[in-house]
């Protein structure tokens, strides 16, 4: 067990698993955004997703390709939510 700690295998596995968790969490947030109807709830979901992702990014030292795609998907959903909200405000 000590050799695994000394070589960093455990640390790398924890970081890799954390990045996978962040990817799944961001995808979950992204899918939840489609189900949520109100602007404050959407904004809160996005903020929570981004905060968590950034913490994992700092801990793990970066994201993989799939996790970056999930992060970009979340960013794109945020932009589309903002556009929809602005359009609703204009029509009022």
N, C-alpha and C. Protein backbone atom coordinates (compact mmCIF):
# COMPACT_ATOMS: atom_id res chain seq x y z
N UNK A 1 0.82 -1.19 0.00
CA UNK A 1 0.00 0.00 0.00
C UNK A 1 0.87 1.26 0.00
N UNK A 2 1.96 1.23 0.72
CA UNK A 2 2.83 2.41 0.80
C UNK A 2 3.41 2.78 -0.56
N UNK A 3 3.74 1.77 -1.38
CA UNK A 3 4.31 2.06 -2.69
C UNK A 3 3.32 2.78 -3.59
N UNK A 4 2.03 2.48 -3.42
CA UNK A 4 1.01 3.18 -4.23
C UNK A 4 0.94 4.65 -3.83
N UNK A 5 1.05 4.92 -2.55
CA UNK A 5 1.04 6.31 -2.09
C UNK A 5 2.29 7.04 -2.55
N UNK A 6 3.42 6.38 -2.49
CA UNK A 6 4.68 7.00 -2.88
C UNK A 6 4.76 7.29 -4.37
N UNK A 7 4.20 6.43 -5.20
CA UNK A 7 4.26 6.62 -6.65
C UNK A 7 3.16 7.56 -7.15
N UNK A 8 2.21 7.87 -6.31
CA UNK A 8 1.16 8.81 -6.70
C UNK A 8 -0.02 8.16 -7.42
N UNK A 9 -0.06 6.83 -7.44
CA UNK A 9 -1.16 6.15 -8.12
C UNK A 9 -2.49 6.51 -7.50
N UNK A 10 -2.58 6.50 -6.19
CA UNK A 10 -3.83 6.81 -5.50
C UNK A 10 -4.25 8.25 -5.78
N UNK A 11 -3.30 9.15 -5.71
CA UNK A 11 -3.59 10.56 -5.97
C UNK A 11 -4.11 10.78 -7.37
N UNK A 12 -3.48 10.14 -8.36
CA UNK A 12 -3.93 10.28 -9.74
C UNK A 12 -5.32 9.69 -9.93
N UNK A 13 -5.59 8.57 -9.29
CA UNK A 13 -6.91 7.95 -9.41
C UNK A 13 -7.99 8.83 -8.78
N UNK A 14 -7.69 9.45 -7.67
CA UNK A 14 -8.65 10.34 -7.02
C UNK A 14 -8.92 11.53 -7.92
N UNK A 15 -7.88 12.09 -8.52
CA UNK A 15 -8.06 13.23 -9.41
C UNK A 15 -8.85 12.84 -10.65
N UNK A 16 -8.54 11.70 -11.24
CA UNK A 16 -9.26 11.24 -12.43
C UNK A 16 -10.73 11.00 -12.12
N UNK A 17 -10.99 10.37 -11.00
CA UNK A 17 -12.37 10.12 -10.60
C UNK A 17 -13.11 11.42 -10.33
N UNK A 18 -12.43 12.39 -9.76
CA UNK A 18 -13.04 13.70 -9.50
C UNK A 18 -13.42 14.39 -10.80
N UNK A 19 -12.57 14.29 -11.81
CA UNK A 19 -12.86 14.89 -13.11
C UNK A 19 -14.06 14.20 -13.75
N UNK A 20 -14.13 12.89 -13.64
CA UNK A 20 -15.28 12.16 -14.18
C UNK A 20 -16.57 12.57 -13.46
N UNK A 21 -16.47 12.74 -12.15
CA UNK A 21 -17.63 13.18 -11.38
C UNK A 21 -18.07 14.58 -11.81
N UNK A 22 -17.12 15.46 -12.04
CA UNK A 22 -17.45 16.82 -12.49
C UNK A 22 -18.15 16.78 -13.84
N UNK A 23 -17.69 15.91 -14.74
CA UNK A 23 -18.32 15.79 -16.05
C UNK A 23 -19.76 15.31 -15.90
N UNK A 24 -19.98 14.30 -15.08
CA UNK A 24 -21.34 13.79 -14.88
C UNK A 24 -22.22 14.84 -14.21
N UNK A 25 -21.67 15.58 -13.27
CA UNK A 25 -22.44 16.61 -12.60
C UNK A 25 -22.84 17.72 -13.57
N UNK A 26 -21.92 18.15 -14.41
CA UNK A 26 -22.24 19.21 -15.37
C UNK A 26 -23.26 18.73 -16.39
N UNK A 27 -23.17 17.49 -16.80
CA UNK A 27 -24.18 16.94 -17.72
C UNK A 27 -25.54 16.86 -17.03
N UNK A 28 -25.54 16.53 -15.77
CA UNK A 28 -26.80 16.46 -15.01
C UNK A 28 -27.41 17.86 -14.89
N UNK A 29 -26.59 18.83 -14.57
CA UNK A 29 -27.07 20.21 -14.48
C UNK A 29 -27.63 20.66 -15.82
N UNK A 30 -26.94 20.31 -16.88
CA UNK A 30 -27.38 20.68 -18.21
C UNK A 30 -28.75 20.08 -18.52
N UNK A 31 -28.95 18.82 -18.17
CA UNK A 31 -30.25 18.19 -18.43
C UNK A 31 -31.33 18.76 -17.52
N UNK A 32 -30.98 19.12 -16.30
CA UNK A 32 -31.95 19.72 -15.38
C UNK A 32 -32.40 21.10 -15.85
N UNK A 33 -31.51 21.82 -16.53
CA UNK A 33 -31.86 23.15 -17.03
C UNK A 33 -33.03 23.09 -18.01
N UNK A 34 -33.12 21.99 -18.74
CA UNK A 34 -34.22 21.83 -19.68
C UNK A 34 -35.54 21.64 -18.97
N UNK A 35 -35.52 21.05 -17.76
CA UNK A 35 -36.74 20.76 -17.02
C UNK A 35 -37.19 21.93 -16.15
N UNK A 36 -36.27 22.79 -15.76
CA UNK A 36 -36.59 23.90 -14.87
C UNK A 36 -37.21 25.03 -15.68
N UNK A 37 -38.23 25.65 -15.11
CA UNK A 37 -38.92 26.69 -15.87
C UNK A 37 -38.60 28.11 -15.47
N UNK A 38 -38.17 28.34 -14.26
CA UNK A 38 -38.01 29.73 -13.81
C UNK A 38 -36.56 30.18 -13.87
N UNK A 39 -36.38 31.44 -14.15
CA UNK A 39 -35.05 32.04 -14.32
C UNK A 39 -34.18 31.93 -13.06
N UNK A 40 -34.69 32.23 -11.85
CA UNK A 40 -33.82 32.13 -10.67
C UNK A 40 -33.30 30.71 -10.44
N UNK A 41 -34.14 29.71 -10.68
CA UNK A 41 -33.70 28.33 -10.50
C UNK A 41 -32.65 27.95 -11.54
N UNK A 42 -32.82 28.39 -12.77
CA UNK A 42 -31.83 28.12 -13.82
C UNK A 42 -30.49 28.73 -13.44
N UNK A 43 -30.53 29.97 -13.02
CA UNK A 43 -29.29 30.67 -12.67
C UNK A 43 -28.58 29.97 -11.52
N UNK A 44 -29.33 29.55 -10.52
CA UNK A 44 -28.73 28.88 -9.37
C UNK A 44 -28.10 27.55 -9.77
N UNK A 45 -28.77 26.79 -10.63
CA UNK A 45 -28.20 25.53 -11.12
C UNK A 45 -26.89 25.76 -11.86
N UNK A 46 -26.88 26.77 -12.71
CA UNK A 46 -25.67 27.06 -13.49
C UNK A 46 -24.54 27.47 -12.57
N UNK A 47 -24.83 28.33 -11.60
CA UNK A 47 -23.79 28.78 -10.67
C UNK A 47 -23.23 27.60 -9.88
N UNK A 48 -24.10 26.73 -9.40
CA UNK A 48 -23.64 25.56 -8.65
C UNK A 48 -22.77 24.65 -9.52
N UNK A 49 -23.21 24.43 -10.75
CA UNK A 49 -22.45 23.58 -11.66
C UNK A 49 -21.08 24.13 -11.97
N UNK A 50 -21.01 25.42 -12.24
CA UNK A 50 -19.73 26.05 -12.57
C UNK A 50 -18.81 26.07 -11.35
N UNK A 51 -19.35 26.39 -10.19
CA UNK A 51 -18.51 26.40 -8.98
C UNK A 51 -17.89 25.03 -8.72
N UNK A 52 -18.73 24.01 -8.80
CA UNK A 52 -18.23 22.66 -8.56
C UNK A 52 -17.17 22.28 -9.59
N UNK A 53 -17.45 22.57 -10.84
CA UNK A 53 -16.51 22.23 -11.90
C UNK A 53 -15.17 22.94 -11.71
N UNK A 54 -15.21 24.20 -11.33
CA UNK A 54 -13.96 24.94 -11.13
C UNK A 54 -13.17 24.42 -9.94
N UNK A 55 -13.87 24.00 -8.90
CA UNK A 55 -13.16 23.42 -7.76
C UNK A 55 -12.45 22.12 -8.16
N UNK A 56 -13.17 21.30 -8.92
CA UNK A 56 -12.56 20.05 -9.38
C UNK A 56 -11.39 20.34 -10.31
N UNK A 57 -11.57 21.33 -11.18
CA UNK A 57 -10.50 21.70 -12.11
C UNK A 57 -9.25 22.10 -11.34
N UNK A 58 -9.41 22.90 -10.29
CA UNK A 58 -8.26 23.32 -9.49
C UNK A 58 -7.63 22.12 -8.78
N UNK A 59 -8.46 21.25 -8.23
CA UNK A 59 -7.96 20.09 -7.50
C UNK A 59 -7.21 19.13 -8.42
N UNK A 60 -7.80 18.85 -9.57
CA UNK A 60 -7.23 17.85 -10.47
C UNK A 60 -6.15 18.41 -11.38
N UNK A 61 -6.08 19.71 -11.51
CA UNK A 61 -5.07 20.31 -12.37
C UNK A 61 -5.47 20.34 -13.83
N UNK A 62 -6.75 20.28 -14.10
CA UNK A 62 -7.23 20.37 -15.47
C UNK A 62 -8.36 19.40 -15.76
N UNK A 63 -8.92 19.52 -16.94
CA UNK A 63 -9.99 18.66 -17.40
C UNK A 63 -9.53 17.87 -18.61
N UNK A 64 -10.21 16.76 -18.84
CA UNK A 64 -10.01 16.01 -20.06
C UNK A 64 -10.91 16.57 -21.15
N UNK A 65 -10.82 15.99 -22.32
CA UNK A 65 -11.59 16.45 -23.48
C UNK A 65 -13.10 16.34 -23.22
N UNK A 66 -13.54 15.19 -22.71
CA UNK A 66 -14.97 14.99 -22.47
C UNK A 66 -15.51 15.96 -21.44
N UNK A 67 -14.74 16.21 -20.41
CA UNK A 67 -15.19 17.13 -19.36
C UNK A 67 -15.25 18.55 -19.89
N UNK A 68 -14.31 18.92 -20.73
CA UNK A 68 -14.36 20.25 -21.35
C UNK A 68 -15.61 20.40 -22.21
N UNK A 69 -15.98 19.35 -22.93
CA UNK A 69 -17.21 19.38 -23.73
C UNK A 69 -18.43 19.59 -22.84
N UNK A 70 -18.48 18.89 -21.72
CA UNK A 70 -19.60 19.04 -20.79
C UNK A 70 -19.64 20.46 -20.23
N UNK A 71 -18.48 21.01 -19.93
CA UNK A 71 -18.40 22.38 -19.42
C UNK A 71 -18.87 23.37 -20.49
N UNK A 72 -18.47 23.15 -21.74
CA UNK A 72 -18.90 24.03 -22.83
C UNK A 72 -20.40 23.89 -23.09
N UNK A 73 -20.92 22.68 -22.95
CA UNK A 73 -22.37 22.46 -23.10
C UNK A 73 -23.14 23.26 -22.05
N UNK A 74 -22.63 23.24 -20.83
CA UNK A 74 -23.25 24.00 -19.76
C UNK A 74 -23.17 25.50 -20.06
N UNK A 75 -22.04 25.95 -20.56
CA UNK A 75 -21.88 27.36 -20.93
C UNK A 75 -22.87 27.75 -22.02
N UNK A 76 -23.02 26.89 -23.02
CA UNK A 76 -23.95 27.18 -24.11
C UNK A 76 -25.40 27.23 -23.62
N UNK A 77 -25.75 26.34 -22.70
CA UNK A 77 -27.11 26.36 -22.13
C UNK A 77 -27.33 27.65 -21.35
N UNK A 78 -26.29 28.11 -20.65
CA UNK A 78 -26.40 29.36 -19.91
C UNK A 78 -26.67 30.51 -20.87
N UNK A 79 -25.96 30.53 -21.96
CA UNK A 79 -26.16 31.59 -22.95
C UNK A 79 -27.56 31.55 -23.53
N UNK A 80 -28.06 30.35 -23.84
CA UNK A 80 -29.40 30.26 -24.42
C UNK A 80 -30.46 30.64 -23.38
N UNK A 81 -30.22 30.32 -22.12
CA UNK A 81 -31.16 30.72 -21.06
C UNK A 81 -31.20 32.24 -20.94
N UNK A 82 -30.04 32.87 -21.03
CA UNK A 82 -29.97 34.33 -20.95
C UNK A 82 -30.69 34.97 -22.12
N UNK A 83 -30.55 34.41 -23.31
CA UNK A 83 -31.22 34.95 -24.49
C UNK A 83 -32.73 34.81 -24.34
N UNK A 84 -33.19 33.66 -23.87
CA UNK A 84 -34.62 33.46 -23.67
C UNK A 84 -35.16 34.43 -22.63
N UNK A 85 -34.42 34.63 -21.56
CA UNK A 85 -34.86 35.55 -20.52
C UNK A 85 -34.94 36.97 -21.05
N UNK A 86 -33.95 37.38 -21.83
CA UNK A 86 -33.96 38.73 -22.39
C UNK A 86 -35.13 38.90 -23.35
N UNK A 87 -35.43 37.88 -24.15
CA UNK A 87 -36.56 37.94 -25.06
C UNK A 87 -37.88 38.04 -24.30
N UNK A 88 -37.99 37.33 -23.18
CA UNK A 88 -39.19 37.41 -22.36
C UNK A 88 -39.34 38.82 -21.77
N UNK A 89 -38.23 39.40 -21.34
CA UNK A 89 -38.28 40.74 -20.76
C UNK A 89 -38.70 41.77 -21.80
N UNK A 90 -38.26 41.60 -23.02
CA UNK A 90 -38.61 42.54 -24.09
C UNK A 90 -40.09 42.45 -24.43
N UNK A 91 -40.65 41.25 -24.37
CA UNK A 91 -42.07 41.08 -24.73
C UNK A 91 -43.01 41.57 -23.64
N UNK A 92 -42.49 41.78 -22.44
CA UNK A 92 -43.35 42.28 -21.35
C UNK A 92 -43.50 43.74 -21.53
